[in-house]
Amino acid sequence: MYEDLIRRLMALEAQTANEEAETLRKAVDAIDDLVEDRNALRSELTAEMLMLWREYAMADDSTLTPAAKRLGAELLAAFDARVSSSVKG
């Protein structure tokens, strides 16, 4: 059901900045088309984030392309920032 969306998100690593923005817009549109309510959206986004986390943030860097490494680093940084802000708060 969401294989096409996953493929489009994974393809972001191989595209230029403008192409990435367009692909992301299409992915968001696909999500809008596929989910019926807020809980379904939350569930689908959680599943997508878990997949990205496993595939990029937790992967051995030697198995990733440079763009995939950047995505993994961004995911880790976002997680660190979230943890830091919750500890301070």
Protein backbone atom coordinates (compact mmCIF):
# COMPACT_ATOMS: atom_id res chain seq x y z
CA MET A 1 0.00 0.00 0.00
CA TYR A 2 2.75 2.46 0.90
CA GLU A 3 5.54 0.88 -1.13
CA ASP A 4 5.41 3.69 -3.69
CA LEU A 5 5.66 6.30 -0.94
CA ILE A 6 8.61 4.47 0.60
CA ARG A 7 10.35 4.25 -2.78
CA ARG A 8 9.89 7.99 -3.31
CA LEU A 9 11.26 8.81 0.12
CA MET A 10 14.25 6.52 -0.40
CA ALA A 11 14.94 8.14 -3.77
CA LEU A 12 15.50 11.50 -2.07
CA GLU A 13 19.11 10.58 -1.40
CA ALA A 14 19.89 10.45 -5.12
CA GLN A 15 18.25 13.71 -6.19
CA THR A 16 19.18 17.37 -6.23
CA ALA A 17 17.72 19.83 -3.72
CA ASN A 18 14.95 20.97 -6.09
CA GLU A 19 14.06 17.43 -7.02
CA GLU A 20 14.05 16.48 -3.33
CA ALA A 21 11.55 19.24 -2.57
CA GLU A 22 9.26 18.11 -5.39
CA THR A 23 9.51 14.46 -4.36
CA LEU A 24 8.77 15.34 -0.76
CA ARG A 25 5.73 17.38 -1.85
CA LYS A 26 4.47 14.38 -3.82
CA ALA A 27 5.06 12.11 -0.82
CA VAL A 28 3.05 14.45 1.40
CA ASP A 29 0.29 14.52 -1.22
CA ALA A 30 0.34 10.71 -1.29
CA ILE A 31 -0.05 10.61 2.48
CA ASP A 32 -2.98 13.03 2.26
CA ASP A 33 -4.61 10.78 -0.33
CA LEU A 34 -4.11 7.58 1.65
CA VAL A 35 -5.02 8.40 5.22
CA GLU A 36 -8.53 8.97 6.37
CA ASP A 37 -8.03 10.50 9.79
CA ARG A 38 -5.48 11.90 12.22
CA ASN A 39 -4.86 8.57 13.99
CA ALA A 40 -4.21 6.81 10.70
CA LEU A 41 -1.82 9.57 9.69
CA ARG A 42 0.02 9.33 13.01
CA SER A 43 0.28 5.57 12.65
CA GLU A 44 1.59 5.75 9.08
CA LEU A 45 4.11 8.47 9.87
CA THR A 46 5.34 6.53 12.89
CA ALA A 47 5.86 3.47 10.72
CA GLU A 48 7.74 5.52 8.11
CA MET A 49 9.96 7.14 10.75
CA LEU A 50 10.78 3.76 12.26
CA MET A 51 11.75 2.46 8.84
CA LEU A 52 13.96 5.50 8.20
CA TRP A 53 15.50 5.14 11.66
CA ARG A 54 16.37 1.48 11.10
CA GLU A 55 17.59 1.94 7.53
CA TYR A 56 19.67 5.09 8.06
CA ALA A 57 20.26 6.12 11.68
CA MET A 58 21.09 2.62 12.92
CA ALA A 59 22.89 1.39 9.80
CA ASP A 60 26.63 0.84 9.58
CA ASP A 61 27.95 3.94 7.77
CA SER A 62 30.11 1.74 5.54
CA THR A 63 26.92 0.39 3.93
CA LEU A 64 25.44 3.82 3.15
CA THR A 65 25.87 6.30 0.33
CA PRO A 66 27.06 9.82 1.28
CA ALA A 67 23.49 11.15 1.06
CA ALA A 68 22.18 8.27 3.17
CA LYS A 69 24.87 9.01 5.77
CA ARG A 70 23.70 12.64 5.89
CA LEU A 71 20.10 11.49 6.38
CA GLY A 72 21.19 9.18 9.19
CA ALA A 73 23.15 11.99 10.83
CA GLU A 74 20.16 14.32 10.56
CA LEU A 75 17.89 11.75 12.15
CA LEU A 76 20.35 11.22 15.01
CA ALA A 77 20.76 14.97 15.50
CA ALA A 78 16.99 15.47 15.58
CA PHE A 79 16.67 12.72 18.16
CA ASP A 80 19.49 14.20 20.27
CA ALA A 81 17.89 17.65 20.10
CA ARG A 82 14.52 16.23 21.14
CA VAL A 83 16.03 14.34 24.07
CA SER A 84 18.05 17.37 25.16
CA SER A 85 15.01 19.65 25.09
CA SER A 86 12.89 17.17 27.06
CA VAL A 87 15.62 16.80 29.70
CA LYS A 88 15.88 20.58 30.09
CA GLY A 89 12.12 21.05 30.24
